[in-house]
Amino acid sequence: MAVPSPDLESRFAELEQKYEARLGVYVPGTGATAAVEHRGDERFAFCSTFKGLLGAAVLHRYPIVHLDTVITYNSADIRSTSPITEQHLETGMSIGGLCDATIRYSDGTAANLLLQDIGGIAAFNEYLRSLGDSVSRLDQMEPELNRNPPGDARDTTTPHAIAMDYQQVVLGDALPPEKRDKLIDWLGRSTTGAKRIRAGFPADWRVIDKTGSGEYGRANDVAVVWSPGGTPYVVAIMTDRVGGGPEAPWCDPLVADAAKCVADVLAQWSA
């Protein structure tokens, strides 16, 4: 059930107006509380938020020793935003290193190599379906998946769908404990999210996350946060600014401000 309070709904609407953007938010309810939701079932581009789930798909598919397998690649494989893989052309990288690179640094080449490793885009979508997600869809590789025009359903998810996916792989039993801990470690050491959901939560809350950014001002973040008392919640925030065209800048402050609204609610839930 998603029944946001009128005050919270108005705060989200005000943020959309202030930043001239579309905002999607979803925080699953706890059983005692309704979900926090704003445009939760509208489609937004995945951008790189899928990479945390890609890491989960790798962990699900193979024994954990597979992370030590080294694969090689060449300069033709290097795509834009590949700060880690471009440094290892001569040596190749382990599967675990590629997971670390794509989740912590959003390395696009690492994502493409991992997609190939699990059997391609179709295999990734099959993994999403195994989580009960019939909504999200990946259609293209990096970097094309970040460029779909407004209204194009390719490479999209919803805040609701992706929040439930992350809830299963981080907080649920979709992965056994050893593998789940590995995923949490990668997400917890992400280098890209300091100005998004993390910026909206008090310093005494633990935040692990995977960001995503793309054309049309797309700035996304999916996080798992823990209250000071240790209660976990999943927070999905997705945004775009399609009116500004494909060159519209990302708006980190919008994500951070939306996260502040969510943090206020979760503080009440945790009191």
C-alpha atoms as a PDB file:
ATOM      1  CA  MET A   1       0.000   0.000   0.000  1.00  0.00           C
ATOM      2  CA  ALA A   2       1.324   3.454  -0.912  1.00  0.00           C
ATOM      3  CA  VAL A   3      -0.489   6.329   0.752  1.00  0.00           C
ATOM      4  CA  PRO A   4       1.860   9.314   1.089  1.00  0.00           C
ATOM      5  CA  SER A   5       0.762  12.066   3.438  1.00  0.00           C
ATOM      6  CA  PRO A   6      -0.580  15.224   1.789  1.00  0.00           C
ATOM      7  CA  ASP A   7       2.311  17.170   3.314  1.00  0.00           C
ATOM      8  CA  LEU A   8       4.932  14.817   1.884  1.00  0.00           C
ATOM      9  CA  GLU A   9       3.225  14.743  -1.503  1.00  0.00           C
ATOM     10  CA  SER A  10       3.214  18.541  -1.599  1.00  0.00           C
ATOM     11  CA  ARG A  11       6.909  18.637  -0.708  1.00  0.00           C
ATOM     12  CA  PHE A  12       7.736  16.325  -3.600  1.00  0.00           C
ATOM     13  CA  ALA A  13       5.575  18.384  -5.965  1.00  0.00           C
ATOM     14  CA  GLU A  14       7.313  21.565  -4.821  1.00  0.00           C
ATOM     15  CA  LEU A  15      10.685  20.010  -5.578  1.00  0.00           C
ATOM     16  CA  GLU A  16       9.552  19.127  -9.087  1.00  0.00           C
ATOM     17  CA  GLN A  17       8.485  22.713  -9.645  1.00  0.00           C
ATOM     18  CA  LYS A  18      11.631  24.177  -8.090  1.00  0.00           C
ATOM     19  CA  TYR A  19      14.004  22.096 -10.187  1.00  0.00           C
ATOM     20  CA  GLU A  20      11.803  21.847 -13.316  1.00  0.00           C
ATOM     21  CA  ALA A  21      12.089  18.093 -13.198  1.00  0.00           C
ATOM     22  CA  ARG A  22      10.157  14.866 -12.798  1.00  0.00           C
ATOM     23  CA  LEU A  23      10.733  13.038  -9.526  1.00  0.00           C
ATOM     24  CA  GLY A  24      10.046   9.420  -8.681  1.00  0.00           C
ATOM     25  CA  VAL A  25      10.350   8.061  -5.143  1.00  0.00           C
ATOM     26  CA  TYR A  26       9.623   4.705  -3.554  1.00  0.00           C
ATOM     27  CA  VAL A  27      10.355   3.385  -0.077  1.00  0.00           C
ATOM     28  CA  PRO A  28       8.735   0.018   0.715  1.00  0.00           C
ATOM     29  CA  GLY A  29       6.458  -0.018   3.732  1.00  0.00           C
ATOM     30  CA  THR A  30       7.284  -1.953   6.854  1.00  0.00           C
ATOM     31  CA  GLY A  31       3.999  -3.713   7.541  1.00  0.00           C
ATOM     32  CA  ALA A  32       3.191  -1.160  10.204  1.00  0.00           C
ATOM     33  CA  THR A  33       3.638   1.738   7.785  1.00  0.00           C
ATOM     34  CA  ALA A  34       2.525   2.458   4.239  1.00  0.00           C
ATOM     35  CA  ALA A  35       5.094   2.863   1.487  1.00  0.00           C
ATOM     36  CA  VAL A  36       6.459   6.303   0.681  1.00  0.00           C
ATOM     37  CA  GLU A  37       5.636   6.874  -2.965  1.00  0.00           C
ATOM     38  CA  HIS A  38       5.646   9.628  -5.591  1.00  0.00           C
ATOM     39  CA  ARG A  39       5.327   8.579  -9.238  1.00  0.00           C
ATOM     40  CA  GLY A  40       6.421   5.195  -7.980  1.00  0.00           C
ATOM     41  CA  ASP A  41       5.011   3.268 -10.919  1.00  0.00           C
ATOM     42  CA  GLU A  42       6.103   5.640 -13.675  1.00  0.00           C
ATOM     43  CA  ARG A  43       8.954   4.544 -15.913  1.00  0.00           C
ATOM     44  CA  PHE A  44      12.389   6.130 -15.556  1.00  0.00           C
ATOM     45  CA  ALA A  45      15.622   5.221 -17.313  1.00  0.00           C
ATOM     46  CA  PHE A  46      17.750   2.741 -15.353  1.00  0.00           C
ATOM     47  CA  CYS A  47      21.040   4.418 -16.209  1.00  0.00           C
ATOM     48  CA  SER A  48      23.700   2.842 -13.990  1.00  0.00           C
ATOM     49  CA  THR A  49      21.385   1.857 -11.135  1.00  0.00           C
ATOM     50  CA  PHE A  50      21.124  -1.556 -12.800  1.00  0.00           C
ATOM     51  CA  LYS A  51      24.771  -2.276 -11.978  1.00  0.00           C
ATOM     52  CA  GLY A  52      24.126  -3.258  -8.381  1.00  0.00           C
ATOM     53  CA  LEU A  53      21.614  -5.801  -9.645  1.00  0.00           C
ATOM     54  CA  LEU A  54      24.142  -6.933 -12.257  1.00  0.00           C
ATOM     55  CA  GLY A  55      26.579  -7.683  -9.453  1.00  0.00           C
ATOM     56  CA  ALA A  56      23.831  -9.655  -7.735  1.00  0.00           C
ATOM     57  CA  ALA A  57      23.167 -11.573 -10.961  1.00  0.00           C
ATOM     58  CA  VAL A  58      26.837 -12.566 -11.200  1.00  0.00           C
ATOM     59  CA  LEU A  59      26.847 -13.708  -7.573  1.00  0.00           C
ATOM     60  CA  HIS A  60      23.615 -15.645  -8.093  1.00  0.00           C
ATOM     61  CA  ARG A  61      24.773 -17.407 -11.242  1.00  0.00           C
ATOM     62  CA  TYR A  62      28.181 -18.662 -10.152  1.00  0.00           C
ATOM     63  CA  PRO A  63      30.019 -20.051  -7.115  1.00  0.00           C
ATOM     64  CA  ILE A  64      31.793 -17.271  -5.265  1.00  0.00           C
ATOM     65  CA  VAL A  65      35.186 -18.574  -6.460  1.00  0.00           C
ATOM     66  CA  HIS A  66      34.158 -17.381  -9.937  1.00  0.00           C
ATOM     67  CA  LEU A  67      35.001 -13.876  -8.740  1.00  0.00           C
ATOM     68  CA  ASP A  68      38.677 -14.878  -9.042  1.00  0.00           C
ATOM     69  CA  THR A  69      38.357 -15.761 -12.745  1.00  0.00           C
ATOM     70  CA  VAL A  70      40.381 -13.368 -14.900  1.00  0.00           C
ATOM     71  CA  ILE A  71      39.094 -12.276 -18.289  1.00  0.00           C
ATOM     72  CA  THR A  72      40.929 -10.279 -20.921  1.00  0.00           C
ATOM     73  CA  TYR A  73      39.687  -7.571 -23.248  1.00  0.00           C
ATOM     74  CA  ASN A  74      41.146  -5.064 -25.705  1.00  0.00           C
ATOM     75  CA  SER A  75      40.917  -1.379 -26.532  1.00  0.00           C
ATOM     76  CA  ALA A  76      37.933  -1.964 -28.825  1.00  0.00           C
ATOM     77  CA  ASP A  77      35.934  -3.048 -25.774  1.00  0.00           C
ATOM     78  CA  ILE A  78      36.547   0.183 -23.851  1.00  0.00           C
ATOM     79  CA  ARG A  79      33.478   2.391 -23.629  1.00  0.00           C
ATOM     80  CA  SER A  80      32.934   5.828 -22.163  1.00  0.00           C
ATOM     81  CA  THR A  81      33.238   6.205 -18.385  1.00  0.00           C
ATOM     82  CA  SER A  82      35.628   3.319 -17.848  1.00  0.00           C
ATOM     83  CA  PRO A  83      38.125   4.664 -15.295  1.00  0.00           C
ATOM     84  CA  ILE A  84      39.161   1.251 -13.983  1.00  0.00           C
ATOM     85  CA  THR A  85      39.066  -1.106 -16.964  1.00  0.00           C
ATOM     86  CA  GLU A  86      41.091   1.272 -19.133  1.00  0.00           C
ATOM     87  CA  GLN A  87      43.968   0.874 -16.672  1.00  0.00           C
ATOM     88  CA  HIS A  88      44.095  -2.919 -17.043  1.00  0.00           C
ATOM     89  CA  LEU A  89      44.179  -3.525 -20.789  1.00  0.00           C
ATOM     90  CA  GLU A  90      47.427  -5.491 -20.585  1.00  0.00           C
ATOM     91  CA  THR A  91      46.514  -7.713 -17.648  1.00  0.00           C
ATOM     92  CA  GLY A  92      42.755  -8.117 -17.840  1.00  0.00           C
ATOM     93  CA  MET A  93      40.637  -8.123 -14.689  1.00  0.00           C
ATOM     94  CA  SER A  94      39.013 -10.653 -12.415  1.00  0.00           C
ATOM     95  CA  ILE A  95      35.241 -10.968 -12.354  1.00  0.00           C
ATOM     96  CA  GLY A  96      35.310  -9.675  -8.785  1.00  0.00           C
ATOM     97  CA  GLY A  97      37.395  -6.715  -9.882  1.00  0.00           C
ATOM     98  CA  LEU A  98      34.910  -5.961 -12.644  1.00  0.00           C
ATOM     99  CA  CYS A  99      32.023  -6.071 -10.163  1.00  0.00           C
ATOM    100  CA  ASP A 100      33.933  -3.707  -7.896  1.00  0.00           C
ATOM    101  CA  ALA A 101      34.655  -1.378 -10.824  1.00  0.00           C
ATOM    102  CA  THR A 102      31.113  -1.221 -12.149  1.00  0.00           C
ATOM    103  CA  ILE A 103      29.392  -0.835  -8.767  1.00  0.00           C
ATOM    104  CA  ARG A 104      31.895   1.430  -7.006  1.00  0.00           C
ATOM    105  CA  TYR A 105      33.042   3.513  -9.983  1.00  0.00           C
ATOM    106  CA  SER A 106      30.173   2.928 -12.454  1.00  0.00           C
ATOM    107  CA  ASP A 107      32.670   1.608 -15.004  1.00  0.00           C
ATOM    108  CA  GLY A 108      30.744   1.030 -18.235  1.00  0.00           C
ATOM    109  CA  THR A 109      33.144  -1.414 -19.863  1.00  0.00           C
ATOM    110  CA  ALA A 110      33.092  -3.541 -16.716  1.00  0.00           C
ATOM    111  CA  ALA A 111      29.297  -3.676 -16.926  1.00  0.00           C
ATOM    112  CA  ASN A 112      29.390  -4.820 -20.549  1.00  0.00           C
ATOM    113  CA  LEU A 113      31.950  -7.526 -19.775  1.00  0.00           C
ATOM    114  CA  LEU A 114      29.860  -8.767 -16.852  1.00  0.00           C
ATOM    115  CA  LEU A 115      26.716  -8.840 -18.975  1.00  0.00           C
ATOM    116  CA  GLN A 116      28.595 -11.031 -21.444  1.00  0.00           C
ATOM    117  CA  ASP A 117      29.819 -13.223 -18.592  1.00  0.00           C
ATOM    118  CA  ILE A 118      26.318 -14.038 -17.337  1.00  0.00           C
ATOM    119  CA  GLY A 119      24.962 -14.753 -20.831  1.00  0.00           C
ATOM    120  CA  GLY A 120      23.940 -11.347 -22.136  1.00  0.00           C
ATOM    121  CA  ILE A 121      21.118  -8.884 -21.647  1.00  0.00           C
ATOM    122  CA  ALA A 122      18.486 -11.625 -21.854  1.00  0.00           C
ATOM    123  CA  ALA A 123      20.092 -13.441 -18.927  1.00  0.00           C
ATOM    124  CA  PHE A 124      20.062 -10.243 -16.867  1.00  0.00           C
ATOM    125  CA  ASN A 125      16.362  -9.755 -17.568  1.00  0.00           C
ATOM    126  CA  GLU A 126      15.724 -13.381 -16.641  1.00  0.00           C
ATOM    127  CA  TYR A 127      17.378 -12.694 -13.296  1.00  0.00           C
ATOM    128  CA  LEU A 128      15.065  -9.730 -12.730  1.00  0.00           C
ATOM    129  CA  ARG A 129      12.074 -11.960 -13.487  1.00  0.00           C
ATOM    130  CA  SER A 130      13.367 -14.486 -10.943  1.00  0.00           C
ATOM    131  CA  LEU A 131      13.135 -11.684  -8.365  1.00  0.00           C
ATOM    132  CA  GLY A 132       9.485 -11.203  -9.311  1.00  0.00           C
ATOM    133  CA  ASP A 133      10.188  -8.050 -11.332  1.00  0.00           C
ATOM    134  CA  SER A 134       8.024  -8.100 -14.463  1.00  0.00           C
ATOM    135  CA  VAL A 135       8.434  -4.358 -15.042  1.00  0.00           C
ATOM    136  CA  SER A 136      12.122  -3.515 -15.443  1.00  0.00           C
ATOM    137  CA  ARG A 137      13.849  -4.150 -18.761  1.00  0.00           C
ATOM    138  CA  LEU A 138      17.395  -3.781 -20.004  1.00  0.00           C
ATOM    139  CA  ASP A 139      17.698  -3.560 -23.775  1.00  0.00           C
ATOM    140  CA  GLN A 140      21.094  -2.075 -24.616  1.00  0.00           C
ATOM    141  CA  MET A 141      24.682  -2.097 -23.433  1.00  0.00           C
ATOM    142  CA  GLU A 142      26.790   0.787 -22.157  1.00  0.00           C
ATOM    143  CA  PRO A 143      26.744   3.620 -23.054  1.00  0.00           C
ATOM    144  CA  GLU A 144      23.647   3.445 -25.270  1.00  0.00           C
ATOM    145  CA  LEU A 145      21.354   2.495 -22.380  1.00  0.00           C
ATOM    146  CA  ASN A 146      21.797   6.019 -20.975  1.00  0.00           C
ATOM    147  CA  ARG A 147      20.526   7.743 -24.115  1.00  0.00           C
ATOM    148  CA  ASN A 148      16.984   6.527 -24.717  1.00  0.00           C
ATOM    149  CA  PRO A 149      14.646   9.421 -25.588  1.00  0.00           C
ATOM    150  CA  PRO A 150      11.642  10.378 -23.430  1.00  0.00           C
ATOM    151  CA  GLY A 151       8.771   7.932 -23.782  1.00  0.00           C
ATOM    152  CA  ASP A 152      11.057   5.087 -24.876  1.00  0.00           C
ATOM    153  CA  ALA A 153      10.400   2.080 -22.634  1.00  0.00           C
ATOM    154  CA  ARG A 154      13.777   0.536 -23.387  1.00  0.00           C
ATOM    155  CA  ASP A 155      16.241   0.374 -20.510  1.00  0.00           C
ATOM    156  CA  THR A 156      13.693   1.514 -17.948  1.00  0.00           C
ATOM    157  CA  THR A 157      12.388   0.561 -14.543  1.00  0.00           C
ATOM    158  CA  THR A 158      10.131   2.194 -11.971  1.00  0.00           C
ATOM    159  CA  PRO A 159      11.069   3.414  -8.496  1.00  0.00           C
ATOM    160  CA  HIS A 160       8.734   0.760  -7.078  1.00  0.00           C
ATOM    161  CA  ALA A 161      10.200  -2.111  -9.087  1.00  0.00           C
ATOM    162  CA  ILE A 162      13.854  -1.318  -8.510  1.00  0.00           C
ATOM    163  CA  ALA A 163      13.312  -0.672  -4.803  1.00  0.00           C
ATOM    164  CA  MET A 164      11.808  -4.136  -4.413  1.00  0.00           C
ATOM    165  CA  ASP A 165      14.695  -5.670  -6.401  1.00  0.00           C
ATOM    166  CA  TYR A 166      17.293  -4.096  -4.127  1.00  0.00           C
ATOM    167  CA  GLN A 167      15.271  -5.085  -1.071  1.00  0.00           C
ATOM    168  CA  GLN A 168      15.488  -8.724  -2.112  1.00  0.00           C
ATOM    169  CA  VAL A 169      19.187  -8.819  -2.980  1.00  0.00           C
ATOM    170  CA  VAL A 170      20.427  -6.721  -0.028  1.00  0.00           C
ATOM    171  CA  LEU A 171      17.910  -7.370   2.752  1.00  0.00           C
ATOM    172  CA  GLY A 172      16.139 -10.518   1.589  1.00  0.00           C
ATOM    173  CA  ASP A 173      17.216 -14.063   0.842  1.00  0.00           C
ATOM    174  CA  ALA A 174      17.774 -13.769  -2.919  1.00  0.00           C
ATOM    175  CA  LEU A 175      21.481 -14.319  -2.210  1.00  0.00           C
ATOM    176  CA  PRO A 176      23.067 -16.513   0.471  1.00  0.00           C
ATOM    177  CA  PRO A 177      24.779 -14.596   3.300  1.00  0.00           C
ATOM    178  CA  GLU A 178      28.365 -14.781   1.980  1.00  0.00           C
ATOM    179  CA  LYS A 179      27.342 -13.450  -1.422  1.00  0.00           C
ATOM    180  CA  ARG A 180      24.982 -10.873   0.027  1.00  0.00           C
ATOM    181  CA  ASP A 181      27.799  -9.547   2.209  1.00  0.00           C
ATOM    182  CA  LYS A 182      30.006  -9.181  -0.869  1.00  0.00           C
ATOM    183  CA  LEU A 183      27.337  -7.125  -2.638  1.00  0.00           C
ATOM    184  CA  ILE A 184      26.826  -4.955   0.445  1.00  0.00           C
ATOM    185  CA  ASP A 185      30.574  -4.334   0.595  1.00  0.00           C
ATOM    186  CA  TRP A 186      30.676  -3.124  -3.021  1.00  0.00           C
ATOM    187  CA  LEU A 187      27.648  -0.882  -2.576  1.00  0.00           C
ATOM    188  CA  GLY A 188      28.967   0.447   0.710  1.00  0.00           C
ATOM    189  CA  ARG A 189      32.202   1.622  -0.888  1.00  0.00           C
ATOM    190  CA  SER A 190      30.603   3.320  -3.886  1.00  0.00           C
ATOM    191  CA  THR A 191      32.437   6.489  -4.905  1.00  0.00           C
ATOM    192  CA  THR A 192      29.655   8.180  -6.873  1.00  0.00           C
ATOM    193  CA  GLY A 193      26.821   8.931  -4.446  1.00  0.00           C
ATOM    194  CA  ALA A 194      28.063  11.507  -1.953  1.00  0.00           C
ATOM    195  CA  LYS A 195      25.868  14.300  -3.357  1.00  0.00           C
ATOM    196  CA  ARG A 196      22.659  12.287  -3.737  1.00  0.00           C
ATOM    197  CA  ILE A 197      20.815  10.158  -1.163  1.00  0.00           C
ATOM    198  CA  ARG A 198      23.794  10.213   1.201  1.00  0.00           C
ATOM    199  CA  ALA A 199      23.658  14.012   1.229  1.00  0.00           C
ATOM    200  CA  GLY A 200      20.039  13.942   2.385  1.00  0.00           C
ATOM    201  CA  PHE A 201      20.504  11.697   5.411  1.00  0.00           C
ATOM    202  CA  PRO A 202      22.036  12.544   8.784  1.00  0.00           C
ATOM    203  CA  ALA A 203      25.631  11.452   9.285  1.00  0.00           C
ATOM    204  CA  ASP A 204      24.646   8.813  11.856  1.00  0.00           C
ATOM    205  CA  TRP A 205      22.622   6.872   9.275  1.00  0.00           C
ATOM    206  CA  ARG A 206      24.507   4.236   7.289  1.00  0.00           C
ATOM    207  CA  VAL A 207      23.933   4.551   3.523  1.00  0.00           C
ATOM    208  CA  ILE A 208      25.010   2.184   0.732  1.00  0.00           C
ATOM    209  CA  ASP A 209      23.940   2.966  -2.806  1.00  0.00           C
ATOM    210  CA  LYS A 210      24.206   2.764  -6.576  1.00  0.00           C
ATOM    211  CA  THR A 211      23.757   5.889  -8.639  1.00  0.00           C
ATOM    212  CA  GLY A 212      22.802   6.316 -12.274  1.00  0.00           C
ATOM    213  CA  SER A 213      23.080   9.303 -14.610  1.00  0.00           C
ATOM    214  CA  GLY A 214      22.219   9.911 -18.236  1.00  0.00           C
ATOM    215  CA  GLU A 215      20.928  12.217 -20.916  1.00  0.00           C
ATOM    216  CA  TYR A 216      17.865  14.414 -20.352  1.00  0.00           C
ATOM    217  CA  GLY A 217      19.104  15.360 -16.899  1.00  0.00           C
ATOM    218  CA  ARG A 218      18.664  11.889 -15.475  1.00  0.00           C
ATOM    219  CA  ALA A 219      20.008  11.607 -11.944  1.00  0.00           C
ATOM    220  CA  ASN A 220      19.073   8.476  -9.998  1.00  0.00           C
ATOM    221  CA  ASP A 221      20.108   6.783  -6.795  1.00  0.00           C
ATOM    222  CA  VAL A 222      18.973   3.563  -5.125  1.00  0.00           C
ATOM    223  CA  ALA A 223      20.132   3.071  -1.561  1.00  0.00           C
ATOM    224  CA  VAL A 224      19.730   0.898   1.475  1.00  0.00           C
ATOM    225  CA  VAL A 225      19.898   2.975   4.637  1.00  0.00           C
ATOM    226  CA  TRP A 226      20.145   1.926   8.265  1.00  0.00           C
ATOM    227  CA  SER A 227      18.878   4.052  11.131  1.00  0.00           C
ATOM    228  CA  PRO A 228      21.175   4.674  14.108  1.00  0.00           C
ATOM    229  CA  GLY A 229      19.300   1.847  15.802  1.00  0.00           C
ATOM    230  CA  GLY A 230      20.030  -0.531  12.914  1.00  0.00           C
ATOM    231  CA  THR A 231      16.653  -0.649  11.142  1.00  0.00           C
ATOM    232  CA  PRO A 232      17.108  -0.943   7.345  1.00  0.00           C
ATOM    233  CA  TYR A 233      15.060   0.696   4.593  1.00  0.00           C
ATOM    234  CA  VAL A 234      15.341   0.794   0.805  1.00  0.00           C
ATOM    235  CA  VAL A 235      15.119   4.211  -0.865  1.00  0.00           C
ATOM    236  CA  ALA A 236      14.769   4.618  -4.644  1.00  0.00           C
ATOM    237  CA  ILE A 237      14.886   8.138  -6.094  1.00  0.00           C
ATOM    238  CA  MET A 238      14.798   8.679  -9.862  1.00  0.00           C
ATOM    239  CA  THR A 239      14.682  11.984 -11.722  1.00  0.00           C
ATOM    240  CA  ASP A 240      14.794  13.471 -15.190  1.00  0.00           C
ATOM    241  CA  ARG A 241      14.559  16.890 -16.824  1.00  0.00           C
ATOM    242  CA  VAL A 242      13.342  16.004 -20.302  1.00  0.00           C
ATOM    243  CA  GLY A 243      12.223  19.556 -21.050  1.00  0.00           C
ATOM    244  CA  GLY A 244      15.863  20.581 -21.189  1.00  0.00           C
ATOM    245  CA  GLY A 245      16.686  18.181 -24.008  1.00  0.00           C
ATOM    246  CA  PRO A 246      19.396  15.513 -24.090  1.00  0.00           C
ATOM    247  CA  GLU A 247      22.029  17.953 -22.804  1.00  0.00           C
ATOM    248  CA  ALA A 248      20.057  18.936 -19.682  1.00  0.00           C
ATOM    249  CA  PRO A 249      22.369  18.780 -16.641  1.00  0.00           C
ATOM    250  CA  TRP A 250      21.948  16.301 -13.809  1.00  0.00           C
ATOM    251  CA  CYS A 251      20.434  17.739 -10.660  1.00  0.00           C
ATOM    252  CA  ASP A 252      22.080  16.210  -7.609  1.00  0.00           C
ATOM    253  CA  PRO A 253      20.424  18.736  -5.240  1.00  0.00           C
ATOM    254  CA  LEU A 254      16.982  17.472  -6.297  1.00  0.00           C
ATOM    255  CA  VAL A 255      17.911  13.925  -5.294  1.00  0.00           C
ATOM    256  CA  ALA A 256      19.427  15.141  -2.029  1.00  0.00           C
ATOM    257  CA  ASP A 257      16.396  17.285  -1.182  1.00  0.00           C
ATOM    258  CA  ALA A 258      14.020  14.405  -1.934  1.00  0.00           C
ATOM    259  CA  ALA A 259      16.178  12.195   0.274  1.00  0.00           C
ATOM    260  CA  LYS A 260      15.859  14.742   3.093  1.00  0.00           C
ATOM    261  CA  CYS A 261      12.082  14.440   2.842  1.00  0.00           C
ATOM    262  CA  VAL A 262      12.379  10.658   3.049  1.00  0.00           C
ATOM    263  CA  ALA A 263      14.829  10.880   5.943  1.00  0.00           C
ATOM    264  CA  ASP A 264      12.322  12.924   7.936  1.00  0.00           C
ATOM    265  CA  VAL A 265       9.713  10.192   7.482  1.00  0.00           C
ATOM    266  CA  LEU A 266      12.095   7.341   8.282  1.00  0.00           C
ATOM    267  CA  ALA A 267      13.235   9.114  11.435  1.00  0.00           C
ATOM    268  CA  GLN A 268       9.606   9.034  12.586  1.00  0.00           C
ATOM    269  CA  TRP A 269       9.301   5.357  11.650  1.00  0.00           C
ATOM    270  CA  SER A 270      12.439   4.559  13.652  1.00  0.00           C
ATOM    271  CA  ALA A 271      11.528   6.616  16.723  1.00  0.00           C
END
